[in-house]
Amino acid sequence: MARVAAEAVGLQTIHQVVDDFYRRVQDDPVLGTRFSVVTDWAAHKARIVHFWWVALGGAAYEPYRYRVVYTHRALEVRASEIQRWLDLFADCVQSALPESLAAVWLHRAKAMGGSLAQVVARV
């Protein structure tokens, strides 16, 4: 099912969702400050597009190494920030995809967010 999810969603749609999400993040009162440290948005978004492509079962096309827990632990991410990220991300995914495909992607995102919150998040 995972590879089917990546192919069904499509790389172009992942690009659209990531672009929409980070456009919203930059204006968000909770997340905007956290992401203000990003200096190269194009590179950041390209990496995240690849991350989601692979997370949804697509074959890797870049040699990125993802250290999600390490990165977020170093940033001292709060549980409320993870929840805000998930809420905003869900809005973007649901705006771009039919409900059935959005549900598959969001199931993956929520599982990751829940795990991340348990491992690294402060209250």
PDB file of N, CA and C in Angstrom:
ATOM      1  N   MET A   1       0.823  -1.210   0.000  1.00  0.00           N
ATOM      2  CA  MET A   1       0.000   0.000   0.000  1.00  0.00           C
ATOM      3  C   MET A   1       0.859   1.264   0.000  1.00  0.00           C
ATOM      4  N   ALA A   2       2.033   1.191   0.654  1.00  0.00           N
ATOM      5  CA  ALA A   2       2.852   2.401   0.767  1.00  0.00           C
ATOM      6  C   ALA A   2       3.265   2.945  -0.589  1.00  0.00           C
ATOM      7  N   ARG A   3       3.805   2.091  -1.462  1.00  0.00           N
ATOM      8  CA  ARG A   3       4.220   2.571  -2.780  1.00  0.00           C
ATOM      9  C   ARG A   3       3.013   3.099  -3.549  1.00  0.00           C
ATOM     10  N   VAL A   4       1.900   2.434  -3.394  1.00  0.00           N
ATOM     11  CA  VAL A   4       0.676   2.886  -4.055  1.00  0.00           C
ATOM     12  C   VAL A   4       0.308   4.281  -3.572  1.00  0.00           C
ATOM     13  N   ALA A   5       0.515   4.565  -2.292  1.00  0.00           N
ATOM     14  CA  ALA A   5       0.192   5.887  -1.743  1.00  0.00           C
ATOM     15  C   ALA A   5       1.034   6.962  -2.407  1.00  0.00           C
ATOM     16  N   ALA A   6       2.334   6.744  -2.524  1.00  0.00           N
ATOM     17  CA  ALA A   6       3.208   7.742  -3.149  1.00  0.00           C
ATOM     18  C   ALA A   6       2.796   7.976  -4.591  1.00  0.00           C
ATOM     19  N   GLU A   7       2.570   6.911  -5.313  1.00  0.00           N
ATOM     20  CA  GLU A   7       2.201   7.042  -6.718  1.00  0.00           C
ATOM     21  C   GLU A   7       0.815   7.654  -6.879  1.00  0.00           C
ATOM     22  N   ALA A   8      -0.121   7.295  -6.002  1.00  0.00           N
ATOM     23  CA  ALA A   8      -1.472   7.843  -6.087  1.00  0.00           C
ATOM     24  C   ALA A   8      -1.498   9.334  -5.758  1.00  0.00           C
ATOM     25  N   VAL A   9      -0.731   9.731  -4.748  1.00  0.00           N
ATOM     26  CA  VAL A   9      -0.653  11.145  -4.383  1.00  0.00           C
ATOM     27  C   VAL A   9       0.092  11.906  -5.469  1.00  0.00           C
ATOM     28  N   GLY A  10       1.234  11.385  -5.864  1.00  0.00           N
ATOM     29  CA  GLY A  10       2.025  11.996  -6.931  1.00  0.00           C
ATOM     30  C   GLY A  10       3.003  13.034  -6.424  1.00  0.00           C
ATOM     31  N   LEU A  11       4.144  13.063  -7.053  1.00  0.00           N
ATOM     32  CA  LEU A  11       5.209  13.987  -6.656  1.00  0.00           C
ATOM     33  C   LEU A  11       4.788  15.447  -6.839  1.00  0.00           C
ATOM     34  N   GLN A  12       4.056  15.746  -7.890  1.00  0.00           N
ATOM     35  CA  GLN A  12       3.609  17.118  -8.127  1.00  0.00           C
ATOM     36  C   GLN A  12       2.684  17.593  -7.006  1.00  0.00           C
ATOM     37  N   THR A  13       1.804  16.728  -6.548  1.00  0.00           N
ATOM     38  CA  THR A  13       0.900  17.106  -5.461  1.00  0.00           C
ATOM     39  C   THR A  13       1.663  17.286  -4.158  1.00  0.00           C
ATOM     40  N   ILE A  14       2.653  16.452  -3.931  1.00  0.00           N
ATOM     41  CA  ILE A  14       3.484  16.628  -2.730  1.00  0.00           C
ATOM     42  C   ILE A  14       4.161  17.993  -2.783  1.00  0.00           C
ATOM     43  N   HIS A  15       4.682  18.358  -3.943  1.00  0.00           N
ATOM     44  CA  HIS A  15       5.270  19.700  -4.101  1.00  0.00           C
ATOM     45  C   HIS A  15       4.241  20.778  -3.762  1.00  0.00           C
ATOM     46  N   GLN A  16       3.030  20.651  -4.272  1.00  0.00           N
ATOM     47  CA  GLN A  16       1.979  21.641  -4.022  1.00  0.00           C
ATOM     48  C   GLN A  16       1.672  21.762  -2.536  1.00  0.00           C
ATOM     49  N   VAL A  17       1.523  20.623  -1.873  1.00  0.00           N
ATOM     50  CA  VAL A  17       1.194  20.628  -0.449  1.00  0.00           C
ATOM     51  C   VAL A  17       2.326  21.266   0.358  1.00  0.00           C
ATOM     52  N   VAL A  18       3.554  20.897   0.065  1.00  0.00           N
ATOM     53  CA  VAL A  18       4.696  21.450   0.789  1.00  0.00           C
ATOM     54  C   VAL A  18       4.810  22.957   0.559  1.00  0.00           C
ATOM     55  N   ASP A  19       4.626  23.402  -0.678  1.00  0.00           N
ATOM     56  CA  ASP A  19       4.645  24.839  -0.963  1.00  0.00           C
ATOM     57  C   ASP A  19       3.556  25.573  -0.195  1.00  0.00           C
ATOM     58  N   ASP A  20       2.339  25.051  -0.238  1.00  0.00           N
ATOM     59  CA  ASP A  20       1.216  25.667   0.464  1.00  0.00           C
ATOM     60  C   ASP A  20       1.468  25.688   1.967  1.00  0.00           C
ATOM     61  N   PHE A  21       1.934  24.572   2.496  1.00  0.00           N
ATOM     62  CA  PHE A  21       2.186  24.474   3.929  1.00  0.00           C
ATOM     63  C   PHE A  21       3.204  25.511   4.397  1.00  0.00           C
ATOM     64  N   TYR A  22       4.333  25.592   3.716  1.00  0.00           N
ATOM     65  CA  TYR A  22       5.368  26.519   4.173  1.00  0.00           C
ATOM     66  C   TYR A  22       5.012  27.979   3.908  1.00  0.00           C
ATOM     67  N   ARG A  23       4.156  28.227   2.936  1.00  0.00           N
ATOM     68  CA  ARG A  23       3.644  29.586   2.756  1.00  0.00           C
ATOM     69  C   ARG A  23       2.808  29.968   3.978  1.00  0.00           C
ATOM     70  N   ARG A  24       1.977  29.045   4.425  1.00  0.00           N
ATOM     71  CA  ARG A  24       1.140  29.295   5.603  1.00  0.00           C
ATOM     72  C   ARG A  24       1.979  29.377   6.883  1.00  0.00           C
ATOM     73  N   VAL A  25       2.979  28.516   6.997  1.00  0.00           N
ATOM     74  CA  VAL A  25       3.850  28.492   8.178  1.00  0.00           C
ATOM     75  C   VAL A  25       4.489  29.856   8.400  1.00  0.00           C
ATOM     76  N   GLN A  26       4.955  30.475   7.340  1.00  0.00           N
ATOM     77  CA  GLN A  26       5.661  31.744   7.479  1.00  0.00           C
ATOM     78  C   GLN A  26       4.778  32.837   8.067  1.00  0.00           C
ATOM     79  N   ASP A  27       3.463  32.710   7.924  1.00  0.00           N
ATOM     80  CA  ASP A  27       2.530  33.691   8.479  1.00  0.00           C
ATOM     81  C   ASP A  27       1.871  33.222   9.773  1.00  0.00           C
ATOM     82  N   ASP A  28       2.193  32.021  10.197  1.00  0.00           N
ATOM     83  CA  ASP A  28       1.528  31.444  11.362  1.00  0.00           C
ATOM     84  C   ASP A  28       2.096  32.014  12.658  1.00  0.00           C
ATOM     85  N   PRO A  29       1.219  32.431  13.597  1.00  0.00           N
ATOM     86  CA  PRO A  29       1.705  33.025  14.847  1.00  0.00           C
ATOM     87  C   PRO A  29       2.454  32.036  15.744  1.00  0.00           C
ATOM     88  N   VAL A  30       2.203  30.753  15.623  1.00  0.00           N
ATOM     89  CA  VAL A  30       2.889  29.753  16.440  1.00  0.00           C
ATOM     90  C   VAL A  30       4.146  29.247  15.750  1.00  0.00           C
ATOM     91  N   LEU A  31       4.029  28.884  14.487  1.00  0.00           N
ATOM     92  CA  LEU A  31       5.135  28.241  13.783  1.00  0.00           C
ATOM     93  C   LEU A  31       6.069  29.207  13.060  1.00  0.00           C
ATOM     94  N   GLY A  32       5.590  30.382  12.741  1.00  0.00           N
ATOM     95  CA  GLY A  32       6.395  31.332  11.979  1.00  0.00           C
ATOM     96  C   GLY A  32       7.743  31.619  12.599  1.00  0.00           C
ATOM     97  N   THR A  33       7.763  31.813  13.901  1.00  0.00           N
ATOM     98  CA  THR A  33       9.016  32.104  14.594  1.00  0.00           C
ATOM     99  C   THR A  33       9.962  30.909  14.537  1.00  0.00           C
ATOM    100  N   ARG A  34       9.430  29.721  14.737  1.00  0.00           N
ATOM    101  CA  ARG A  34      10.251  28.509  14.689  1.00  0.00           C
ATOM    102  C   ARG A  34      10.950  28.353  13.340  1.00  0.00           C
ATOM    103  N   PHE A  35      10.226  28.653  12.287  1.00  0.00           N
ATOM    104  CA  PHE A  35      10.760  28.453  10.944  1.00  0.00           C
ATOM    105  C   PHE A  35      11.489  29.687  10.409  1.00  0.00           C
ATOM    106  N   SER A  36      11.589  30.723  11.197  1.00  0.00           N
ATOM    107  CA  SER A  36      12.281  31.932  10.739  1.00  0.00           C
ATOM    108  C   SER A  36      13.775  31.699  10.552  1.00  0.00           C
ATOM    109  N   VAL A  37      14.290  30.602  11.078  1.00  0.00           N
ATOM    110  CA  VAL A  37      15.711  30.287  10.927  1.00  0.00           C
ATOM    111  C   VAL A  37      16.041  29.711   9.551  1.00  0.00           C
ATOM    112  N   VAL A  38      15.023  29.325   8.791  1.00  0.00           N
ATOM    113  CA  VAL A  38      15.260  28.774   7.457  1.00  0.00           C
ATOM    114  C   VAL A  38      15.731  29.905   6.553  1.00  0.00           C
ATOM    115  N   THR A  39      16.893  29.723   5.961  1.00  0.00           N
ATOM    116  CA  THR A  39      17.451  30.759   5.083  1.00  0.00           C
ATOM    117  C   THR A  39      17.318  30.405   3.607  1.00  0.00           C
ATOM    118  N   ASP A  40      17.190  29.129   3.309  1.00  0.00           N
ATOM    119  CA  ASP A  40      17.056  28.683   1.924  1.00  0.00           C
ATOM    120  C   ASP A  40      15.780  27.855   1.807  1.00  0.00           C
ATOM    121  N   TRP A  41      14.683  28.562   1.557  1.00  0.00           N
ATOM    122  CA  TRP A  41      13.382  27.896   1.502  1.00  0.00           C
ATOM    123  C   TRP A  41      13.307  26.873   0.380  1.00  0.00           C
ATOM    124  N   ALA A  42      13.902  27.164  -0.752  1.00  0.00           N
ATOM    125  CA  ALA A  42      13.850  26.225  -1.879  1.00  0.00           C
ATOM    126  C   ALA A  42      14.518  24.900  -1.496  1.00  0.00           C
ATOM    127  N   ALA A  43      15.674  24.970  -0.877  1.00  0.00           N
ATOM    128  CA  ALA A  43      16.385  23.758  -0.465  1.00  0.00           C
ATOM    129  C   ALA A  43      15.616  23.013   0.623  1.00  0.00           C
ATOM    130  N   HIS A  44      15.075  23.767   1.582  1.00  0.00           N
ATOM    131  CA  HIS A  44      14.307  23.146   2.660  1.00  0.00           C
ATOM    132  C   HIS A  44      13.090  22.415   2.097  1.00  0.00           C
ATOM    133  N   LYS A  45      12.362  23.078   1.231  1.00  0.00           N
ATOM    134  CA  LYS A  45      11.163  22.465   0.654  1.00  0.00           C
ATOM    135  C   LYS A  45      11.513  21.256  -0.209  1.00  0.00           C
ATOM    136  N   ALA A  46      12.590  21.332  -0.951  1.00  0.00           N
ATOM    137  CA  ALA A  46      13.006  20.188  -1.777  1.00  0.00           C
ATOM    138  C   ALA A  46      13.292  18.967  -0.902  1.00  0.00           C
ATOM    139  N   ARG A  47      13.941  19.201   0.215  1.00  0.00           N
ATOM    140  CA  ARG A  47      14.252  18.107   1.138  1.00  0.00           C
ATOM    141  C   ARG A  47      12.978  17.511   1.734  1.00  0.00           C
ATOM    142  N   ILE A  48      12.037  18.368   2.080  1.00  0.00           N
ATOM    143  CA  ILE A  48      10.787  17.905   2.680  1.00  0.00           C
ATOM    144  C   ILE A  48       9.912  17.189   1.656  1.00  0.00           C
ATOM    145  N   VAL A  49       9.909  17.670   0.429  1.00  0.00           N
ATOM    146  CA  VAL A  49       9.179  16.962  -0.639  1.00  0.00           C
ATOM    147  C   VAL A  49       9.735  15.546  -0.759  1.00  0.00           C
ATOM    148  N   HIS A  50      11.037  15.415  -0.800  1.00  0.00           N
ATOM    149  CA  HIS A  50      11.657  14.097  -0.895  1.00  0.00           C
ATOM    150  C   HIS A  50      11.293  13.244   0.323  1.00  0.00           C
ATOM    151  N   PHE A  51      11.336  13.852   1.510  1.00  0.00           N
ATOM    152  CA  PHE A  51      10.984  13.137   2.735  1.00  0.00           C
ATOM    153  C   PHE A  51       9.591  12.526   2.617  1.00  0.00           C
ATOM    154  N   TRP A  52       8.620  13.347   2.199  1.00  0.00           N
ATOM    155  CA  TRP A  52       7.248  12.839   2.112  1.00  0.00           C
ATOM    156  C   TRP A  52       7.087  11.826   0.996  1.00  0.00           C
ATOM    157  N   TRP A  53       7.763  12.013  -0.116  1.00  0.00           N
ATOM    158  CA  TRP A  53       7.713  11.036  -1.198  1.00  0.00           C
ATOM    159  C   TRP A  53       8.164   9.664  -0.679  1.00  0.00           C
ATOM    160  N   VAL A  54       9.285   9.648   0.030  1.00  0.00           N
ATOM    161  CA  VAL A  54       9.819   8.396   0.566  1.00  0.00           C
ATOM    162  C   VAL A  54       8.920   7.866   1.688  1.00  0.00           C
ATOM    163  N   ALA A  55       8.432   8.745   2.564  1.00  0.00           N
ATOM    164  CA  ALA A  55       7.564   8.321   3.666  1.00  0.00           C
ATOM    165  C   ALA A  55       6.270   7.691   3.157  1.00  0.00           C
ATOM    166  N   LEU A  56       5.823   8.117   1.998  1.00  0.00           N
ATOM    167  CA  LEU A  56       4.611   7.554   1.399  1.00  0.00           C
ATOM    168  C   LEU A  56       4.912   6.351   0.511  1.00  0.00           C
ATOM    169  N   GLY A  57       6.182   5.934   0.484  1.00  0.00           N
ATOM    170  CA  GLY A  57       6.539   4.714  -0.216  1.00  0.00           C
ATOM    171  C   GLY A  57       7.228   4.885  -1.546  1.00  0.00           C
ATOM    172  N   GLY A  58       7.504   6.113  -1.940  1.00  0.00           N
ATOM    173  CA  GLY A  58       8.203   6.341  -3.196  1.00  0.00           C
ATOM    174  C   GLY A  58       9.677   5.999  -3.080  1.00  0.00           C
ATOM    175  N   ALA A  59      10.275   5.687  -4.201  1.00  0.00           N
ATOM    176  CA  ALA A  59      11.706   5.372  -4.222  1.00  0.00           C
ATOM    177  C   ALA A  59      12.521   6.648  -4.030  1.00  0.00           C
ATOM    178  N   ALA A  60      13.554   6.569  -3.221  1.00  0.00           N
ATOM    179  CA  ALA A  60      14.424   7.720  -2.984  1.00  0.00           C
ATOM    180  C   ALA A  60      15.078   8.150  -4.293  1.00  0.00           C
ATOM    181  N   TYR A  61      15.108   9.447  -4.531  1.00  0.00           N
ATOM    182  CA  TYR A  61      15.775   9.978  -5.717  1.00  0.00           C
ATOM    183  C   TYR A  61      16.880  10.963  -5.338  1.00  0.00           C
ATOM    184  N   GLU A  62      17.088  11.158  -4.038  1.00  0.00           N
ATOM    185  CA  GLU A  62      18.163  11.986  -3.491  1.00  0.00           C
ATOM    186  C   GLU A  62      18.823  11.207  -2.346  1.00  0.00           C
ATOM    187  N   PRO A  63      20.073  11.499  -2.042  1.00  0.00           N
ATOM    188  CA  PRO A  63      20.779  10.761  -0.982  1.00  0.00           C
ATOM    189  C   PRO A  63      20.604  11.370   0.416  1.00  0.00           C
ATOM    190  N   TYR A  64      19.481  12.030   0.660  1.00  0.00           N
ATOM    191  CA  TYR A  64      19.282  12.675   1.953  1.00  0.00           C
ATOM    192  C   TYR A  64      19.291  11.653   3.081  1.00  0.00           C
ATOM    193  N   ARG A  65      19.783  12.097   4.221  1.00  0.00           N
ATOM    194  CA  ARG A  65      19.714  11.320   5.454  1.00  0.00           C
ATOM    195  C   ARG A  65      18.860  12.126   6.421  1.00  0.00           C
ATOM    196  N   TYR A  66      17.774  11.551   6.855  1.00  0.00           N
ATOM    197  CA  TYR A  66      16.854  12.268   7.741  1.00  0.00           C
ATOM    198  C   TYR A  66      17.119  11.875   9.184  1.00  0.00           C
ATOM    199  N   ARG A  67      17.303  12.883  10.028  1.00  0.00           N
ATOM    200  CA  ARG A  67      17.523  12.680  11.461  1.00  0.00           C
ATOM    201  C   ARG A  67      16.433  13.461  12.199  1.00  0.00           C
ATOM    202  N   VAL A  68      15.226  12.986  12.049  1.00  0.00           N
ATOM    203  CA  VAL A  68      14.048  13.709  12.530  1.00  0.00           C
ATOM    204  C   VAL A  68      14.086  13.915  14.037  1.00  0.00           C
ATOM    205  N   VAL A  69      14.327  12.858  14.773  1.00  0.00           N
ATOM    206  CA  VAL A  69      14.335  12.970  16.234  1.00  0.00           C
ATOM    207  C   VAL A  69      15.468  13.891  16.689  1.00  0.00           C
ATOM    208  N   TYR A  70      16.657  13.672  16.202  1.00  0.00           N
ATOM    209  CA  TYR A  70      17.804  14.498  16.590  1.00  0.00           C
ATOM    210  C   TYR A  70      17.539  15.978  16.293  1.00  0.00           C
ATOM    211  N   THR A  71      17.054  16.263  15.093  1.00  0.00           N
ATOM    212  CA  THR A  71      16.814  17.651  14.683  1.00  0.00           C
ATOM    213  C   THR A  71      15.788  18.318  15.578  1.00  0.00           C
ATOM    214  N   HIS A  72      14.686  17.634  15.836  1.00  0.00           N
ATOM    215  CA  HIS A  72      13.616  18.237  16.628  1.00  0.00           C
ATOM    216  C   HIS A  72      13.956  18.300  18.116  1.00  0.00           C
ATOM    217  N   ARG A  73      14.736  17.342  18.598  1.00  0.00           N
ATOM    218  CA  ARG A  73      15.173  17.397  19.993  1.00  0.00           C
ATOM    219  C   ARG A  73      16.083  18.604  20.201  1.00  0.00           C
ATOM    220  N   ALA A  74      16.989  18.840  19.263  1.00  0.00           N
ATOM    221  CA  ALA A  74      17.905  19.981  19.367  1.00  0.00           C
ATOM    222  C   ALA A  74      17.152  21.310  19.361  1.00  0.00           C
ATOM    223  N   LEU A  75      16.011  21.344  18.699  1.00  0.00           N
ATOM    224  CA  LEU A  75      15.211  22.573  18.635  1.00  0.00           C
ATOM    225  C   LEU A  75      14.289  22.746  19.840  1.00  0.00           C
ATOM    226  N   GLU A  76      14.260  21.745  20.716  1.00  0.00           N
ATOM    227  CA  GLU A  76      13.394  21.778  21.903  1.00  0.00           C
ATOM    228  C   GLU A  76      11.942  22.061  21.523  1.00  0.00           C
ATOM    229  N   VAL A  77      11.460  21.282  20.583  1.00  0.00           N
ATOM    230  CA  VAL A  77      10.097  21.424  20.082  1.00  0.00           C
ATOM    231  C   VAL A  77       9.101  21.107  21.187  1.00  0.00           C
ATOM    232  N   ARG A  78       8.030  21.865  21.220  1.00  0.00           N
ATOM    233  CA  ARG A  78       6.961  21.662  22.203  1.00  0.00           C
ATOM    234  C   ARG A  78       5.837  20.825  21.591  1.00  0.00           C
ATOM    235  N   ALA A  79       5.133  20.083  22.433  1.00  0.00           N
ATOM    236  CA  ALA A  79       4.009  19.269  21.969  1.00  0.00           C
ATOM    237  C   ALA A  79       2.958  20.135  21.282  1.00  0.00           C
ATOM    238  N   SER A  80       2.712  21.326  21.795  1.00  0.00           N
ATOM    239  CA  SER A  80       1.721  22.220  21.191  1.00  0.00           C
ATOM    240  C   SER A  80       2.142  22.658  19.789  1.00  0.00           C
ATOM    241  N   GLU A  81       3.455  22.768  19.564  1.00  0.00           N
ATOM    242  CA  GLU A  81       3.953  23.130  18.226  1.00  0.00           C
ATOM    243  C   GLU A  81       3.777  21.978  17.248  1.00  0.00           C
ATOM    244  N   ILE A  82       3.984  20.765  17.736  1.00  0.00           N
ATOM    245  CA  ILE A  82       3.754  19.604  16.875  1.00  0.00           C
ATOM    246  C   ILE A  82       2.277  19.525  16.509  1.00  0.00           C
ATOM    247  N   GLN A  83       1.410  19.761  17.475  1.00  0.00           N
ATOM    248  CA  GLN A  83      -0.027  19.722  17.183  1.00  0.00           C
ATOM    249  C   GLN A  83      -0.425  20.818  16.196  1.00  0.00           C
ATOM    250  N   ARG A  84       0.117  21.997  16.363  1.00  0.00           N
ATOM    251  CA  ARG A  84      -0.177  23.088  15.413  1.00  0.00           C
ATOM    252  C   ARG A  84       0.327  22.717  14.024  1.00  0.00           C
ATOM    253  N   TRP A  85       1.523  22.139  13.942  1.00  0.00           N
ATOM    254  CA  TRP A  85       2.081  21.686  12.669  1.00  0.00           C
ATOM    255  C   TRP A  85       1.126  20.688  12.025  1.00  0.00           C
ATOM    256  N   LEU A  86       0.663  19.709  12.795  1.00  0.00           N
ATOM    257  CA  LEU A  86      -0.254  18.703  12.260  1.00  0.00           C
ATOM    258  C   LEU A  86      -1.568  19.320  11.781  1.00  0.00           C
ATOM    259  N   ASP A  87      -2.102  20.255  12.541  1.00  0.00           N
ATOM    260  CA  ASP A  87      -3.361  20.907  12.150  1.00  0.00           C
ATOM    261  C   ASP A  87      -3.205  21.675  10.839  1.00  0.00           C
ATOM    262  N   LEU A  88      -2.147  22.449  10.746  1.00  0.00           N
ATOM    263  CA  LEU A  88      -1.909  23.235   9.539  1.00  0.00           C
ATOM    264  C   LEU A  88      -1.609  22.322   8.347  1.00  0.00           C
ATOM    265  N   PHE A  89      -0.830  21.292   8.577  1.00  0.00           N
ATOM    266  CA  PHE A  89      -0.497  20.342   7.523  1.00  0.00           C
ATOM    267  C   PHE A  89      -1.751  19.624   7.036  1.00  0.00           C
ATOM    268  N   ALA A  90      -2.618  19.241   7.958  1.00  0.00           N
ATOM    269  CA  ALA A  90      -3.873  18.574   7.586  1.00  0.00           C
ATOM    270  C   ALA A  90      -4.717  19.469   6.688  1.00  0.00           C
ATOM    271  N   ASP A  91      -4.803  20.745   7.006  1.00  0.00           N
ATOM    272  CA  ASP A  91      -5.553  21.677   6.153  1.00  0.00           C
ATOM    273  C   ASP A  91      -4.998  21.678   4.730  1.00  0.00           C
ATOM    274  N   CYS A  92      -3.690  21.684   4.604  1.00  0.00           N
ATOM    275  CA  CYS A  92      -3.054  21.718   3.282  1.00  0.00           C
ATOM    276  C   CYS A  92      -3.288  20.428   2.512  1.00  0.00           C
ATOM    277  N   VAL A  93      -3.123  19.295   3.187  1.00  0.00           N
ATOM    278  CA  VAL A  93      -3.318  17.994   2.535  1.00  0.00           C
ATOM    279  C   VAL A  93      -4.774  17.826   2.110  1.00  0.00           C
ATOM    280  N   GLN A  94      -5.698  18.180   2.989  1.00  0.00           N
ATOM    281  CA  GLN A  94      -7.116  18.026   2.676  1.00  0.00           C
ATOM    282  C   GLN A  94      -7.568  18.964   1.570  1.00  0.00           C
ATOM    283  N   SER A  95      -6.899  20.092   1.423  1.00  0.00           N
ATOM    284  CA  SER A  95      -7.230  21.024   0.341  1.00  0.00           C
ATOM    285  C   SER A  95      -6.746  20.521  -1.014  1.00  0.00           C
ATOM    286  N   ALA A  96      -5.738  19.653  -1.019  1.00  0.00           N
ATOM    287  CA  ALA A  96      -5.099  19.231  -2.268  1.00  0.00           C
ATOM    288  C   ALA A  96      -5.541  17.862  -2.774  1.00  0.00           C
ATOM    289  N   LEU A  97      -6.122  17.056  -1.902  1.00  0.00           N
ATOM    290  CA  LEU A  97      -6.380  15.665  -2.270  1.00  0.00           C
ATOM    291  C   LEU A  97      -7.808  15.233  -1.961  1.00  0.00           C
ATOM    292  N   PRO A  98      -8.278  14.219  -2.676  1.00  0.00           N
ATOM    293  CA  PRO A  98      -9.557  13.613  -2.299  1.00  0.00           C
ATOM    294  C   PRO A  98      -9.438  13.011  -0.893  1.00  0.00           C
ATOM    295  N   GLU A  99     -10.545  12.898  -0.224  1.00  0.00           N
ATOM    296  CA  GLU A  99     -10.553  12.463   1.173  1.00  0.00           C
ATOM    297  C   GLU A  99      -9.804  11.150   1.399  1.00  0.00           C
ATOM    298  N   SER A 100      -9.959  10.180   0.512  1.00  0.00           N
ATOM    299  CA  SER A 100      -9.329   8.876   0.717  1.00  0.00           C
ATOM    300  C   SER A 100      -7.802   8.976   0.686  1.00  0.00           C
ATOM    301  N   LEU A 101      -7.249   9.748  -0.236  1.00  0.00           N
ATOM    302  CA  LEU A 101      -5.792   9.912  -0.300  1.00  0.00           C
ATOM    303  C   LEU A 101      -5.284  10.797   0.833  1.00  0.00           C
ATOM    304  N   ALA A 102      -6.044  11.830   1.161  1.00  0.00           N
ATOM    305  CA  ALA A 102      -5.659  12.688   2.282  1.00  0.00           C
ATOM    306  C   ALA A 102      -5.584  11.865   3.568  1.00  0.00           C
ATOM    307  N   ALA A 103      -6.530  10.970   3.752  1.00  0.00           N
ATOM    308  CA  ALA A 103      -6.549  10.144   4.964  1.00  0.00           C
ATOM    309  C   ALA A 103      -5.307   9.279   5.077  1.00  0.00           C
ATOM    310  N   VAL A 104      -4.837   8.723   3.961  1.00  0.00           N
ATOM    311  CA  VAL A 104      -3.633   7.893   3.978  1.00  0.00           C
ATOM    312  C   VAL A 104      -2.420   8.727   4.382  1.00  0.00           C
ATOM    313  N   TRP A 105      -2.258   9.889   3.752  1.00  0.00           N
ATOM    314  CA  TRP A 105      -1.110  10.747   4.054  1.00  0.00           C
ATOM    315  C   TRP A 105      -1.180  11.245   5.497  1.00  0.00           C
ATOM    316  N   LEU A 106      -2.363  11.662   5.920  1.00  0.00           N
ATOM    317  CA  LEU A 106      -2.485  12.210   7.274  1.00  0.00           C
ATOM    318  C   LEU A 106      -2.321  11.140   8.340  1.00  0.00           C
ATOM    319  N   HIS A 107      -2.698   9.920   8.031  1.00  0.00           N
ATOM    320  CA  HIS A 107      -2.458   8.830   8.980  1.00  0.00           C
ATOM    321  C   HIS A 107      -0.957   8.705   9.243  1.00  0.00           C
ATOM    322  N   ARG A 108      -0.180   8.769   8.182  1.00  0.00           N
ATOM    323  CA  ARG A 108       1.282   8.687   8.299  1.00  0.00           C
ATOM    324  C   ARG A 108       1.829   9.890   9.074  1.00  0.00           C
ATOM    325  N   ALA A 109       1.356  11.095   8.735  1.00  0.00           N
ATOM    326  CA  ALA A 109       1.828  12.315   9.397  1.00  0.00           C
ATOM    327  C   ALA A 109       1.481  12.310  10.886  1.00  0.00           C
ATOM    328  N   LYS A 110       0.274  11.888  11.217  1.00  0.00           N
ATOM    329  CA  LYS A 110      -0.143  11.870  12.629  1.00  0.00           C
ATOM    330  C   LYS A 110       0.633  10.827  13.421  1.00  0.00           C
ATOM    331  N   ALA A 111       0.918   9.683  12.797  1.00  0.00           N
ATOM    332  CA  ALA A 111       1.718   8.664  13.478  1.00  0.00           C
ATOM    333  C   ALA A 111       3.112   9.201  13.769  1.00  0.00           C
ATOM    334  N   MET A 112       3.704   9.866  12.788  1.00  0.00           N
ATOM    335  CA  MET A 112       5.031  10.453  12.988  1.00  0.00           C
ATOM    336  C   MET A 112       4.986  11.539  14.055  1.00  0.00           C
ATOM    337  N   GLY A 113       3.983  12.394  13.986  1.00  0.00           N
ATOM    338  CA  GLY A 113       3.863  13.474  14.957  1.00  0.00           C
ATOM    339  C   GLY A 113       3.673  12.958  16.365  1.00  0.00           C
ATOM    340  N   GLY A 114       2.857  11.920  16.511  1.00  0.00           N
ATOM    341  CA  GLY A 114       2.648  11.329  17.829  1.00  0.00           C
ATOM    342  C   GLY A 114       3.922  10.729  18.394  1.00  0.00           C
ATOM    343  N   SER A 115       4.642  10.019  17.553  1.00  0.00           N
ATOM    344  CA  SER A 115       5.913   9.430  17.989  1.00  0.00           C
ATOM    345  C   SER A 115       6.919  10.514  18.353  1.00  0.00           C
ATOM    346  N   LEU A 116       6.984  11.528  17.526  1.00  0.00           N
ATOM    347  CA  LEU A 116       7.918  12.626  17.776  1.00  0.00           C
ATOM    348  C   LEU A 116       7.583  13.330  19.087  1.00  0.00           C
ATOM    349  N   ALA A 117       6.309  13.560  19.318  1.00  0.00           N
ATOM    350  CA  ALA A 117       5.893  14.217  20.558  1.00  0.00           C
ATOM    351  C   ALA A 117       6.298  13.397  21.781  1.00  0.00           C
ATOM    352  N   GLN A 118       6.165  12.107  21.688  1.00  0.00           N
ATOM    353  CA  GLN A 118       6.532  11.242  22.830  1.00  0.00           C
ATOM    354  C   GLN A 118       8.037  11.247  23.082  1.00  0.00           C
ATOM    355  N   VAL A 119       8.814  11.346  22.032  1.00  0.00           N
ATOM    356  CA  VAL A 119      10.262  11.226  22.163  1.00  0.00           C
ATOM    357  C   VAL A 119      10.948  12.540  22.493  1.00  0.00           C
ATOM    358  N   VAL A 120      10.528  13.624  21.843  1.00  0.00           N
ATOM    359  CA  VAL A 120      11.320  14.859  21.952  1.00  0.00           C
ATOM    360  C   VAL A 120      10.585  16.065  22.513  1.00  0.00           C
ATOM    361  N   ALA A 121       9.292  16.066  22.479  1.00  0.00           N
ATOM    362  CA  ALA A 121       8.574  17.306  22.778  1.00  0.00           C
ATOM    363  C   ALA A 121       8.532  17.637  24.259  1.00  0.00           C
ATOM    364  N   ARG A 122       8.664  18.922  24.494  1.00  0.00           N
ATOM    365  CA  ARG A 122       8.430  19.454  25.826  1.00  0.00           C
ATOM    366  C   ARG A 122       6.974  19.888  25.882  1.00  0.00           C
ATOM    367  N   VAL A 123       6.430  19.968  27.073  1.00  0.00           N
ATOM    368  CA  VAL A 123       5.027  20.385  27.247  1.00  0.00           C
ATOM    369  C   VAL A 123       4.855  21.839  26.954  1.00  0.00           C
TER     370      VAL A 123
END
